[in-house]
N, C-alpha and C. Protein backbone atom coordinates (compact mmCIF):
# COMPACT_ATOMS: atom_id res chain seq x y z
N MET A 1 0.91 -1.19 0.43
CA MET A 1 0.10 0.03 0.15
C MET A 1 0.64 1.28 -0.06
N THR A 2 0.63 2.02 -0.77
CA THR A 2 1.65 3.23 -1.27
C THR A 2 0.75 4.63 -0.49
N ILE A 3 1.00 5.22 0.48
CA ILE A 3 0.80 6.36 1.04
C ILE A 3 1.65 7.45 0.60
N ILE A 4 0.90 8.69 0.17
CA ILE A 4 1.78 9.81 -0.49
C ILE A 4 1.35 10.63 0.63
N ASP A 5 2.00 11.52 1.39
CA ASP A 5 1.59 12.65 2.11
C ASP A 5 1.73 14.01 1.36
N ILE A 6 0.70 14.86 1.43
CA ILE A 6 0.60 15.81 0.61
C ILE A 6 0.18 17.30 1.79
N SER A 7 0.71 17.05 2.84
CA SER A 7 0.81 18.04 3.59
C SER A 7 2.12 19.09 3.87
N MET A 8 1.53 20.10 4.56
CA MET A 8 2.74 20.89 4.64
C MET A 8 3.46 20.81 6.13
N PRO A 9 4.33 20.45 6.53
CA PRO A 9 4.90 20.46 7.93
C PRO A 9 4.47 21.97 8.61
N ILE A 10 4.13 21.75 9.83
CA ILE A 10 3.98 22.91 10.80
C ILE A 10 5.27 23.19 11.70
N HIS A 11 5.58 24.32 11.42
CA HIS A 11 6.91 24.83 12.01
C HIS A 11 6.76 26.28 12.39
N VAL A 12 7.37 26.95 13.19
CA VAL A 12 7.34 28.22 13.40
C VAL A 12 8.18 28.74 12.27
N ASP A 13 8.88 28.26 11.34
CA ASP A 13 9.44 29.11 10.08
C ASP A 13 8.49 28.67 8.73
N MET A 14 7.38 28.11 8.79
CA MET A 14 6.75 27.61 7.34
C MET A 14 6.38 28.99 6.87
N PRO A 15 6.45 28.71 5.35
CA PRO A 15 5.49 29.53 4.92
C PRO A 15 4.21 29.99 5.25
N VAL A 16 3.63 31.13 5.32
CA VAL A 16 2.16 31.34 5.67
C VAL A 16 1.64 32.81 4.61
N TYR A 17 0.27 32.97 4.69
CA TYR A 17 -0.17 33.78 3.80
C TYR A 17 0.25 35.10 3.74
N LYS A 18 0.97 35.92 2.52
CA LYS A 18 1.48 36.94 2.74
C LYS A 18 2.21 37.29 3.66
N ASN A 19 2.89 36.25 4.45
CA ASN A 19 3.82 36.24 5.60
C ASN A 19 3.59 37.24 6.55
N ARG A 20 2.00 37.48 6.88
CA ARG A 20 1.44 37.56 8.09
C ARG A 20 1.95 37.02 8.93
N GLU A 21 2.36 37.69 10.32
CA GLU A 21 2.91 37.15 11.28
C GLU A 21 1.87 36.53 12.30
N GLU A 22 0.40 37.11 12.27
CA GLU A 22 -0.42 36.77 12.93
C GLU A 22 -0.97 35.11 12.29
N LYS A 23 -0.26 34.80 11.51
CA LYS A 23 -0.68 33.33 10.35
C LYS A 23 0.46 32.35 11.22
N ARG A 24 1.37 32.93 11.41
CA ARG A 24 2.57 32.31 11.99
C ARG A 24 2.07 31.21 13.11
N PRO A 25 2.62 29.99 13.18
CA PRO A 25 2.06 29.04 14.13
C PRO A 25 3.27 29.16 15.68
N SER A 26 2.64 29.03 16.37
CA SER A 26 3.27 29.06 17.92
C SER A 26 3.72 27.81 18.67
N ILE A 27 4.58 27.31 18.88
CA ILE A 27 4.86 25.94 19.68
C ILE A 27 5.50 26.31 20.89
N GLN A 28 4.62 26.09 22.20
CA GLN A 28 5.06 26.55 23.28
C GLN A 28 5.18 25.09 24.05
N VAL A 29 6.46 25.14 24.94
CA VAL A 29 6.56 23.89 25.75
C VAL A 29 6.14 24.20 27.10
N LEU A 30 5.10 23.61 27.65
CA LEU A 30 4.84 23.85 28.85
C LEU A 30 5.25 23.21 30.11
N ARG A 31 5.79 21.91 29.81
CA ARG A 31 6.50 20.84 30.62
C ARG A 31 7.40 20.06 30.02
N ASP A 32 8.66 20.42 30.68
CA ASP A 32 9.63 19.09 30.15
C ASP A 32 10.09 18.05 31.18
N PHE A 33 11.36 17.46 30.74
CA PHE A 33 11.93 16.24 31.52
C PHE A 33 13.00 17.26 32.75
N SER A 34 13.15 18.50 32.52
CA SER A 34 14.04 19.39 33.43
C SER A 34 13.06 19.75 34.54
N SER A 35 11.69 19.93 34.40
CA SER A 35 10.96 20.28 35.49
C SER A 35 9.97 19.08 36.45
N GLY A 36 9.87 17.84 35.50
CA GLY A 36 9.05 16.87 35.89
C GLY A 36 8.76 15.57 35.15
N SER A 37 8.21 14.55 35.07
CA SER A 37 8.32 13.40 34.56
C SER A 37 7.70 13.46 33.02
N VAL A 38 7.35 14.46 32.82
CA VAL A 38 6.21 14.57 31.47
C VAL A 38 7.05 15.72 30.47
N TYR A 39 6.58 15.48 29.10
CA TYR A 39 6.90 16.73 27.91
C TYR A 39 5.64 16.91 27.60
N GLU A 40 4.90 18.09 27.57
CA GLU A 40 3.94 18.63 26.95
C GLU A 40 4.21 19.88 26.37
N SER A 41 3.38 20.02 25.37
CA SER A 41 3.50 21.61 24.66
C SER A 41 2.11 21.90 23.93
N ARG A 42 2.12 23.06 23.93
CA ARG A 42 0.54 23.64 23.44
C ARG A 42 1.04 24.36 21.86
N LEU A 43 0.13 24.07 20.63
CA LEU A 43 0.14 24.44 19.70
C LEU A 43 -0.81 25.74 19.62
N SER A 44 -0.29 27.08 18.97
CA SER A 44 -1.53 28.08 18.47
C SER A 44 -1.08 28.17 16.99
N ILE A 45 -2.35 27.68 16.35
CA ILE A 45 -2.19 28.24 15.06
C ILE A 45 -3.66 28.88 14.35
N GLU A 46 -3.53 29.36 13.48
CA GLU A 46 -4.89 30.18 12.70
C GLU A 46 -5.39 28.95 12.00
N MET A 47 -6.25 29.02 11.67
CA MET A 47 -7.22 28.04 10.94
C MET A 47 -6.59 27.94 9.74
N HIS A 48 -6.25 29.04 8.82
CA HIS A 48 -5.91 29.08 7.59
C HIS A 48 -4.51 28.90 7.51
N THR A 49 -3.81 28.30 8.27
CA THR A 49 -2.32 28.02 7.81
C THR A 49 -1.85 26.82 7.85
N GLY A 50 -0.96 26.67 6.84
CA GLY A 50 -0.60 25.25 6.32
C GLY A 50 -1.88 24.51 5.72
N THR A 51 -1.82 23.14 5.90
CA THR A 51 -2.78 22.55 4.56
C THR A 51 -3.97 22.60 5.57
N HIS A 52 -5.18 22.97 4.98
CA HIS A 52 -6.24 23.38 5.30
C HIS A 52 -7.62 23.16 4.79
N ILE A 53 -8.92 22.87 5.48
CA ILE A 53 -9.80 23.03 4.77
C ILE A 53 -10.88 24.07 4.88
N ASP A 54 -11.30 24.80 3.85
CA ASP A 54 -12.64 26.05 4.35
C ASP A 54 -14.31 25.47 3.98
N ALA A 55 -14.88 25.89 4.91
CA ALA A 55 -16.11 25.95 4.85
C ALA A 55 -16.96 26.99 4.55
N PRO A 56 -17.97 26.79 4.16
CA PRO A 56 -18.72 28.11 3.77
C PRO A 56 -18.98 29.41 4.38
N LEU A 57 -18.77 29.22 5.93
CA LEU A 57 -18.69 30.42 6.84
C LEU A 57 -17.60 31.33 6.49
N HIS A 58 -16.19 30.64 5.93
CA HIS A 58 -15.17 31.56 5.79
C HIS A 58 -15.20 32.82 4.94
N MET A 59 -16.18 32.67 3.90
CA MET A 59 -16.49 33.64 2.78
C MET A 59 -17.97 34.06 2.76
N ILE A 60 -18.67 33.26 3.11
CA ILE A 60 -20.34 33.68 3.06
C ILE A 60 -21.09 33.98 4.59
N ASP A 61 -21.50 35.41 4.59
CA ASP A 61 -22.13 35.69 5.98
C ASP A 61 -23.39 34.89 6.33
N GLY A 62 -23.33 33.93 7.61
CA GLY A 62 -24.35 33.27 7.35
C GLY A 62 -24.03 31.90 7.20
N GLY A 63 -23.09 31.84 6.39
CA GLY A 63 -22.67 30.31 5.71
C GLY A 63 -22.58 29.28 7.19
N GLU A 64 -22.50 28.01 6.67
CA GLU A 64 -22.50 26.96 7.81
C GLU A 64 -21.09 26.65 7.79
N ASP A 65 -20.70 26.20 8.87
CA ASP A 65 -19.56 25.76 9.33
C ASP A 65 -19.16 24.47 8.81
N LEU A 66 -17.81 23.64 9.14
CA LEU A 66 -17.38 22.69 9.11
C LEU A 66 -18.28 21.29 9.27
N THR A 67 -19.19 21.56 9.89
CA THR A 67 -20.06 20.34 9.95
C THR A 67 -21.14 20.36 9.15
N VAL A 68 -21.02 20.91 7.91
CA VAL A 68 -22.18 20.85 6.91
C VAL A 68 -21.37 19.63 6.05
N TYR A 69 -19.95 19.53 6.27
CA TYR A 69 -19.41 18.55 5.40
C TYR A 69 -19.76 17.05 6.42
N PRO A 70 -19.99 16.10 5.66
CA PRO A 70 -20.40 14.48 6.64
C PRO A 70 -18.99 13.98 6.71
N ILE A 71 -18.48 13.18 7.55
CA ILE A 71 -17.40 12.83 7.67
C ILE A 71 -16.70 11.82 6.42
N ASP A 72 -17.83 11.57 5.81
CA ASP A 72 -17.59 10.22 4.81
C ASP A 72 -16.93 11.11 3.69
N LYS A 73 -17.28 12.12 3.37
CA LYS A 73 -16.56 13.32 2.23
C LYS A 73 -15.04 13.61 2.11
N PHE A 74 -14.57 13.15 3.29
CA PHE A 74 -13.37 13.49 3.62
C PHE A 74 -12.39 12.18 3.27
N VAL A 75 -12.99 11.41 2.71
CA VAL A 75 -12.12 10.15 2.11
C VAL A 75 -13.00 10.13 1.02
N SER A 76 -12.53 10.14 -0.28
CA SER A 76 -12.77 10.85 -1.49
C SER A 76 -12.04 10.36 -2.65
N PRO A 77 -12.68 9.59 -3.95
CA PRO A 77 -11.97 9.54 -4.88
C PRO A 77 -11.49 10.93 -5.53
N CYS A 78 -10.18 10.78 -6.25
CA CYS A 78 -9.68 12.13 -6.22
C CYS A 78 -8.94 11.91 -7.37
N LYS A 79 -8.72 12.85 -8.34
CA LYS A 79 -8.04 12.88 -9.48
C LYS A 79 -6.59 14.51 -9.00
N VAL A 80 -5.54 14.12 -9.23
CA VAL A 80 -4.63 15.14 -9.61
C VAL A 80 -4.50 15.51 -10.83
N LEU A 81 -4.57 16.92 -11.38
CA LEU A 81 -4.14 17.28 -12.56
C LEU A 81 -2.94 18.08 -12.62
N ASP A 82 -2.25 18.02 -13.59
CA ASP A 82 -0.92 18.59 -13.74
C ASP A 82 -1.23 19.73 -14.60
N LEU A 83 -1.20 20.81 -13.88
CA LEU A 83 -1.21 22.40 -14.68
C LEU A 83 0.24 23.21 -14.38
N THR A 84 0.88 22.47 -14.48
CA THR A 84 2.56 23.31 -14.13
C THR A 84 2.88 24.03 -15.40
N HIS A 85 1.98 24.24 -16.38
CA HIS A 85 2.13 24.91 -17.73
C HIS A 85 1.37 26.33 -17.55
N VAL A 86 0.58 26.10 -16.37
CA VAL A 86 -0.17 27.30 -16.10
C VAL A 86 0.58 28.38 -15.82
N ASP A 87 0.57 29.79 -16.33
CA ASP A 87 1.56 31.08 -15.71
C ASP A 87 0.75 31.83 -14.89
N LYS A 88 -0.55 31.98 -14.52
CA LYS A 88 -1.42 32.84 -13.76
C LYS A 88 -2.45 32.41 -13.16
N ALA A 89 -3.48 32.05 -13.97
CA ALA A 89 -4.58 31.44 -13.24
C ALA A 89 -5.17 30.38 -14.13
N ILE A 90 -5.79 29.47 -13.29
CA ILE A 90 -6.39 28.29 -13.96
C ILE A 90 -7.91 28.56 -14.16
N THR A 91 -8.21 28.39 -15.68
CA THR A 91 -9.13 28.83 -15.94
C THR A 91 -10.10 27.46 -17.08
N LYS A 92 -11.43 28.09 -17.02
CA LYS A 92 -12.25 27.07 -17.76
C LYS A 92 -11.36 26.02 -18.74
N ASP A 93 -10.84 27.13 -19.60
CA ASP A 93 -10.27 26.48 -20.84
C ASP A 93 -9.08 25.64 -20.26
N ASP A 94 -8.72 25.72 -19.38
CA ASP A 94 -7.66 24.81 -18.76
C ASP A 94 -8.26 23.12 -18.47
N LEU A 95 -9.44 23.37 -18.11
CA LEU A 95 -10.22 21.91 -17.35
C LEU A 95 -11.02 21.36 -18.50
N ILE A 96 -11.45 22.06 -19.38
CA ILE A 96 -12.89 21.90 -20.08
C ILE A 96 -12.18 20.38 -20.99
N ASN A 97 -11.01 20.20 -21.41
CA ASN A 97 -10.63 18.84 -21.89
C ASN A 97 -9.94 17.76 -20.76
N ARG A 98 -10.17 18.00 -19.66
CA ARG A 98 -9.48 17.33 -18.62
C ARG A 98 -10.76 16.01 -18.26
N ASP A 99 -10.33 14.97 -17.98
CA ASP A 99 -11.30 14.23 -17.15
C ASP A 99 -11.73 14.27 -15.90
N ILE A 100 -12.52 15.26 -15.58
CA ILE A 100 -13.13 15.42 -14.39
C ILE A 100 -14.50 15.08 -14.27
N VAL A 101 -14.67 14.35 -13.37
CA VAL A 101 -16.00 13.41 -12.89
C VAL A 101 -16.66 13.88 -11.86
N SER A 102 -17.99 14.03 -11.80
CA SER A 102 -18.98 14.32 -10.84
C SER A 102 -18.74 13.36 -9.68
N GLY A 103 -18.62 13.97 -8.51
CA GLY A 103 -18.43 13.03 -6.88
C GLY A 103 -16.98 12.95 -6.72
N GLU A 104 -15.99 13.50 -7.54
CA GLU A 104 -14.61 13.32 -7.69
C GLU A 104 -14.21 14.81 -6.46
N PHE A 105 -12.86 14.75 -6.17
CA PHE A 105 -12.12 15.81 -5.42
C PHE A 105 -10.86 16.21 -6.47
N ILE A 106 -11.11 17.36 -6.93
CA ILE A 106 -9.97 17.52 -7.88
C ILE A 106 -8.88 18.08 -7.35
N LEU A 107 -7.60 18.06 -7.49
CA LEU A 107 -6.30 18.30 -7.00
C LEU A 107 -5.57 19.26 -8.23
N PHE A 108 -5.46 20.49 -8.04
CA PHE A 108 -4.40 21.23 -8.80
C PHE A 108 -2.90 20.90 -8.68
N LYS A 109 -2.21 20.65 -9.28
CA LYS A 109 -0.77 20.68 -9.10
C LYS A 109 -0.27 21.69 -10.24
N THR A 110 0.62 22.46 -9.47
CA THR A 110 1.01 23.87 -10.36
C THR A 110 2.50 23.91 -10.12
N LYS A 111 3.25 25.21 -10.37
CA LYS A 111 4.27 25.62 -10.10
C LYS A 111 4.41 26.25 -8.39
N ASN A 112 3.47 26.21 -8.11
CA ASN A 112 3.29 26.33 -6.51
C ASN A 112 4.03 25.57 -5.75
N SER A 113 4.38 24.16 -6.22
CA SER A 113 4.46 23.06 -5.13
C SER A 113 6.13 23.35 -5.21
N TRP A 114 6.28 24.15 -6.27
CA TRP A 114 8.06 24.33 -6.05
C TRP A 114 8.36 25.47 -5.27
N ASP A 115 7.46 26.37 -4.71
CA ASP A 115 7.50 27.70 -3.85
C ASP A 115 8.37 27.00 -2.38
N GLU A 116 9.39 27.73 -1.88
CA GLU A 116 9.72 27.39 -0.59
C GLU A 116 9.45 28.46 0.38
N GLU A 117 9.09 29.70 -0.19
CA GLU A 117 8.70 30.69 0.50
C GLU A 117 7.39 31.06 -0.26
N PHE A 118 6.52 31.82 0.48
CA PHE A 118 5.30 32.51 -0.06
C PHE A 118 5.35 33.41 -1.10
N ASN A 119 4.71 32.90 -2.15
CA ASN A 119 5.11 33.86 -3.69
C ASN A 119 3.83 34.57 -3.69
N ALA A 120 3.88 35.99 -3.71
CA ALA A 120 2.45 36.67 -3.84
C ALA A 120 1.92 36.38 -5.30
N LYS A 121 2.68 36.02 -6.04
CA LYS A 121 2.07 35.47 -7.77
C LYS A 121 1.93 34.25 -8.00
N PHE A 122 1.49 33.91 -6.93
CA PHE A 122 1.29 32.38 -6.84
C PHE A 122 0.13 31.90 -7.94
N ILE A 123 -0.06 30.75 -8.20
CA ILE A 123 -0.98 30.44 -9.33
C ILE A 123 -2.49 30.27 -8.45
N TYR A 124 -3.69 30.28 -9.30
CA TYR A 124 -4.60 30.33 -8.44
C TYR A 124 -6.03 29.91 -9.55
N LEU A 125 -7.21 29.73 -9.08
CA LEU A 125 -8.08 29.13 -9.91
C LEU A 125 -9.09 30.34 -9.82
N ASP A 126 -9.30 30.74 -10.93
CA ASP A 126 -10.15 32.23 -11.54
C ASP A 126 -11.71 31.71 -11.39
N LYS A 127 -12.32 32.66 -11.71
CA LYS A 127 -14.21 32.41 -11.29
C LYS A 127 -14.61 31.34 -12.43
N SER A 128 -13.98 31.65 -13.81
CA SER A 128 -14.32 30.37 -14.65
C SER A 128 -14.47 28.91 -14.56
N GLY A 129 -13.04 29.22 -13.83
CA GLY A 129 -12.57 27.72 -13.64
C GLY A 129 -13.50 27.16 -12.28
N ALA A 130 -13.87 27.72 -11.40
CA ALA A 130 -14.71 27.41 -10.30
C ALA A 130 -16.11 27.23 -10.96
N GLU A 131 -16.65 28.01 -11.57
CA GLU A 131 -17.86 27.61 -12.11
C GLU A 131 -18.04 26.36 -12.88
N TYR A 132 -16.79 26.07 -13.89
CA TYR A 132 -17.03 24.78 -14.39
C TYR A 132 -16.79 23.75 -13.44
N LEU A 133 -16.20 23.61 -12.45
CA LEU A 133 -16.31 22.69 -11.37
C LEU A 133 -17.82 22.36 -10.86
N VAL A 134 -18.24 23.39 -10.37
CA VAL A 134 -19.54 23.32 -10.16
C VAL A 134 -20.32 22.78 -11.19
N GLU A 135 -20.33 22.88 -12.41
CA GLU A 135 -20.95 22.40 -13.38
C GLU A 135 -20.78 21.02 -13.41
N LYS A 136 -19.33 20.56 -13.52
CA LYS A 136 -18.89 19.04 -13.67
C LYS A 136 -19.38 18.38 -11.90
N GLY A 137 -19.74 18.86 -11.26
CA GLY A 137 -20.64 18.26 -9.88
C GLY A 137 -19.08 17.83 -9.16
N VAL A 138 -18.24 18.41 -8.94
CA VAL A 138 -17.05 17.82 -8.13
C VAL A 138 -17.57 18.20 -6.66
N ILE A 139 -16.77 17.53 -5.85
CA ILE A 139 -17.14 17.72 -4.19
C ILE A 139 -16.06 18.34 -3.51
N GLY A 140 -15.12 18.73 -4.55
CA GLY A 140 -13.86 19.51 -3.67
C GLY A 140 -12.83 19.89 -4.78
N ALA A 141 -12.23 20.94 -4.23
CA ALA A 141 -11.09 21.39 -5.11
C ALA A 141 -9.85 21.69 -3.97
N GLY A 142 -8.56 21.41 -4.39
CA GLY A 142 -7.99 21.41 -3.70
C GLY A 142 -6.29 22.22 -4.41
N ILE A 143 -5.72 22.93 -4.04
CA ILE A 143 -4.53 23.51 -4.87
C ILE A 143 -3.28 23.65 -4.21
N ASP A 144 -2.32 23.79 -4.51
CA ASP A 144 -0.92 23.74 -4.08
C ASP A 144 -0.43 25.22 -3.34
N SER A 145 -1.16 25.88 -3.17
CA SER A 145 -0.89 27.32 -2.64
C SER A 145 -1.79 27.32 -1.38
N LEU A 146 -1.55 28.75 -0.55
CA LEU A 146 -2.20 29.27 0.63
C LEU A 146 -3.83 29.79 0.37
N GLY A 147 -3.53 29.96 -1.06
CA GLY A 147 -5.34 30.70 -1.27
C GLY A 147 -5.27 29.93 -2.77
N ILE A 148 -6.55 29.68 -2.72
CA ILE A 148 -7.19 29.33 -4.31
C ILE A 148 -7.63 30.36 -5.01
N GLU A 149 -7.36 31.49 -4.50
CA GLU A 149 -7.53 32.74 -5.57
C GLU A 149 -7.02 33.94 -4.83
N ARG A 150 -6.41 34.65 -5.91
CA ARG A 150 -5.44 35.77 -5.47
C ARG A 150 -6.08 37.14 -6.17
N ASN A 151 -6.32 38.32 -5.29
CA ASN A 151 -6.54 39.48 -5.74
C ASN A 151 -7.83 39.71 -6.32
N GLN A 152 -8.62 38.78 -5.99
CA GLN A 152 -10.38 38.91 -6.64
C GLN A 152 -11.15 39.63 -5.31
N PRO A 153 -11.44 41.09 -5.60
CA PRO A 153 -12.20 41.65 -4.65
C PRO A 153 -13.32 41.39 -3.82
N ASN A 154 -14.31 40.12 -4.85
CA ASN A 154 -15.33 39.68 -3.72
C ASN A 154 -15.10 38.35 -4.02
N HIS A 155 -14.10 37.63 -3.92
CA HIS A 155 -13.65 36.24 -3.26
C HIS A 155 -14.45 35.31 -4.31
N GLU A 156 -14.50 35.88 -5.62
CA GLU A 156 -15.26 35.14 -6.49
C GLU A 156 -15.24 33.69 -6.66
N THR A 157 -13.90 33.00 -6.57
CA THR A 157 -13.80 31.53 -6.66
C THR A 157 -14.06 31.05 -5.48
N HIS A 158 -13.87 31.46 -4.12
CA HIS A 158 -14.18 31.05 -3.00
C HIS A 158 -15.60 30.89 -2.82
N LYS A 159 -16.47 32.19 -3.12
CA LYS A 159 -17.94 32.08 -2.99
C LYS A 159 -18.41 31.05 -3.87
N THR A 160 -18.11 30.98 -5.19
CA THR A 160 -18.85 30.11 -6.08
C THR A 160 -18.62 28.63 -5.68
N LEU A 161 -17.47 28.24 -5.18
CA LEU A 161 -17.26 26.88 -4.86
C LEU A 161 -18.16 26.66 -3.28
N LEU A 162 -17.80 27.28 -2.61
CA LEU A 162 -18.51 27.46 -1.30
C LEU A 162 -19.86 27.31 -1.12
N GLY A 163 -20.40 28.49 -2.15
CA GLY A 163 -21.79 28.55 -1.91
C GLY A 163 -22.59 27.14 -2.77
N ASN A 164 -21.62 26.23 -3.30
CA ASN A 164 -22.50 24.93 -3.73
C ASN A 164 -21.92 24.11 -2.89
N LYS A 165 -21.42 24.36 -1.60
CA LYS A 165 -21.24 23.14 -0.91
C LYS A 165 -19.81 22.42 -1.26
N ILE A 166 -19.17 22.92 -1.91
CA ILE A 166 -17.90 22.51 -2.62
C ILE A 166 -16.36 22.68 -1.71
N MET A 167 -15.83 21.60 -1.07
CA MET A 167 -15.00 22.04 -0.37
C MET A 167 -13.59 22.51 -0.76
N ILE A 168 -12.88 23.07 -0.10
CA ILE A 168 -11.81 23.59 -0.93
C ILE A 168 -10.97 23.42 0.26
N LEU A 169 -9.57 22.80 -0.32
CA LEU A 169 -8.33 22.13 0.37
C LEU A 169 -7.09 23.08 -0.33
N GLU A 170 -6.58 23.94 0.74
CA GLU A 170 -5.67 24.73 0.50
C GLU A 170 -4.33 24.55 1.27
N GLY A 171 -2.99 24.72 0.47
CA GLY A 171 -1.87 24.64 1.26
C GLY A 171 -1.49 23.32 1.05
N LEU A 172 -1.71 22.40 -0.42
CA LEU A 172 -1.24 21.12 -0.32
C LEU A 172 0.57 21.19 -1.21
N ARG A 173 1.10 20.01 -1.07
CA ARG A 173 2.30 19.80 -1.49
C ARG A 173 2.09 18.57 -2.55
N LEU A 174 2.25 19.12 -3.89
CA LEU A 174 1.94 18.01 -4.58
C LEU A 174 3.44 17.93 -6.34
N ARG A 175 4.53 18.35 -5.40
CA ARG A 175 5.70 18.40 -6.09
C ARG A 175 6.05 16.77 -6.45
N HIS A 176 6.05 15.91 -5.73
CA HIS A 176 6.24 14.63 -5.70
C HIS A 176 5.13 13.53 -6.30
N VAL A 177 3.73 14.31 -6.82
CA VAL A 177 2.76 13.31 -7.12
C VAL A 177 2.35 13.32 -8.48
N GLU A 178 2.45 12.47 -9.08
CA GLU A 178 2.13 12.18 -10.44
C GLU A 178 0.64 12.40 -10.76
N GLU A 179 0.36 12.95 -11.75
CA GLU A 179 -0.74 13.21 -12.57
C GLU A 179 -1.63 11.84 -12.39
N GLY A 180 -3.11 11.97 -12.17
CA GLY A 180 -3.95 10.70 -12.24
C GLY A 180 -4.79 10.31 -10.75
N PRO A 181 -5.44 9.42 -11.00
CA PRO A 181 -6.57 8.78 -10.02
C PRO A 181 -6.13 8.70 -8.59
N TYR A 182 -6.54 9.03 -7.44
CA TYR A 182 -6.08 8.68 -6.32
C TYR A 182 -7.35 8.54 -5.44
N VAL A 183 -6.91 7.88 -4.22
CA VAL A 183 -8.12 8.07 -2.99
C VAL A 183 -7.37 9.32 -2.05
N LEU A 184 -8.12 10.43 -1.78
CA LEU A 184 -7.70 11.37 -1.07
C LEU A 184 -8.55 11.40 0.44
N ILE A 185 -7.59 11.41 1.12
CA ILE A 185 -8.01 11.21 2.60
C ILE A 185 -7.27 12.65 3.43
N ALA A 186 -8.46 13.46 3.97
CA ALA A 186 -7.99 14.90 4.65
C ALA A 186 -8.99 15.38 5.24
N ALA A 187 -9.02 14.56 6.24
CA ALA A 187 -10.07 14.84 7.63
C ALA A 187 -9.95 16.24 8.43
N PRO A 188 -10.80 17.30 8.83
CA PRO A 188 -10.16 18.33 9.42
C PRO A 188 -10.47 17.59 11.16
N LEU A 189 -9.95 18.54 12.11
CA LEU A 189 -10.33 18.26 13.15
C LEU A 189 -11.90 18.52 13.57
N ASN A 190 -12.19 18.12 14.70
CA ASN A 190 -13.48 18.08 14.87
C ASN A 190 -13.91 19.07 15.58
N ILE A 191 -13.65 20.31 15.09
CA ILE A 191 -14.01 21.48 16.01
C ILE A 191 -15.36 22.44 15.63
N LEU A 192 -16.34 22.10 16.47
CA LEU A 192 -17.44 22.81 16.24
C LEU A 192 -17.44 24.53 15.91
N GLY A 193 -18.59 25.02 15.05
CA GLY A 193 -18.35 26.32 14.88
C GLY A 193 -17.44 26.89 14.34
N VAL A 194 -16.79 26.43 13.44
CA VAL A 194 -15.61 27.06 12.96
C VAL A 194 -15.69 27.20 11.32
N GLU A 195 -14.90 27.97 10.89
CA GLU A 195 -14.94 28.00 9.59
C GLU A 195 -13.79 27.21 8.46
N ALA A 196 -13.03 26.76 9.20
CA ALA A 196 -11.93 26.14 8.65
C ALA A 196 -10.91 25.36 9.58
N SER A 197 -10.12 24.21 9.23
CA SER A 197 -9.62 23.54 9.94
C SER A 197 -8.11 23.11 9.50
N PRO A 198 -6.94 23.12 10.24
CA PRO A 198 -6.00 22.18 9.60
C PRO A 198 -6.46 20.53 9.28
N VAL A 199 -5.83 20.31 8.24
CA VAL A 199 -5.90 18.77 8.10
C VAL A 199 -4.39 18.19 7.78
N ARG A 200 -4.45 16.79 8.06
CA ARG A 200 -3.14 16.09 7.47
C ARG A 200 -4.00 15.46 6.11
N ALA A 201 -3.36 15.71 4.89
CA ALA A 201 -4.20 15.13 3.82
C ALA A 201 -2.92 14.21 3.11
N PHE A 202 -3.27 12.96 2.72
CA PHE A 202 -2.53 12.19 2.07
C PHE A 202 -3.61 11.08 1.09
N LEU A 203 -2.62 10.68 -0.10
CA LEU A 203 -3.20 10.09 -0.94
C LEU A 203 -3.25 8.54 -1.26
N MET A 204 -3.89 8.10 -1.59
CA MET A 204 -3.54 6.62 -1.96
C MET A 204 -3.75 5.95 -3.18
N GLU A 205 -3.42 4.69 -3.54
CA GLU A 205 -3.66 4.43 -4.75
C GLU A 205 -5.10 3.93 -4.90
N ARG A 206 -6.21 4.08 -6.05
CA ARG A 206 -7.33 3.69 -6.16
C ARG A 206 -7.76 2.36 -5.48
N ASN A 207 -6.68 1.51 -6.09
CA ASN A 207 -6.94 0.02 -5.70
C ASN A 207 -6.46 -0.30 -4.23
N SER A 208 -5.99 0.60 -3.44
CA SER A 208 -5.33 0.10 -2.31
C SER A 208 -6.74 0.29 -1.06
N LEU A 209 -7.85 1.38 -1.50
CA LEU A 209 -8.95 1.08 -0.38
C LEU A 209 -10.03 1.49 -1.25
N ILE A 210 -11.36 0.75 -0.60
CA ILE A 210 -12.58 0.72 -1.57
C ILE A 210 -13.58 1.66 -0.87
N ILE A 211 -14.33 2.23 -1.68
CA ILE A 211 -14.96 3.34 -1.29
C ILE A 211 -16.09 3.53 -2.09
């Protein structure tokens, strides 16, 4: 059984969106063996740092929180699309001739996966691409950047997807992943009333798991 980790490691020097310090995680040692018999630490992390999943509440006033997604949706057939040729935005034209199937989670492998630091000109999914995914009936869209859209004042991509209960998975690492079909496992933490959550995302071969 082959398992491919596609998550960002969490550490204090990791890339964060727009290099904003409030998005940088903090790991505090509360107890160690110099003062007792256990080692315990505390993680403070913004919900949209690293690999994470968005719910409608993130961008839609009055939108539903993460509980809108049943647990079985986080184990899904998925397809990785190699879009490393795209220079700016993923559009409908980039997707229309790809084998996108209803009920799948679609992951976009782009030049972003080679960025070691935050790149303000990261590749993103534009509104036309998002609308096409809605038309095709996918259950989720994932990308190898810390945002699925860039410099869209009305957050058109987020609202198009989230308004149709299509999950958004951001902060993936796909440099080492070949294009093709997989099974995606990407479960958020079971936190009530929130708009997003960190996830540990990984891929398995389709024949490794029956879903």
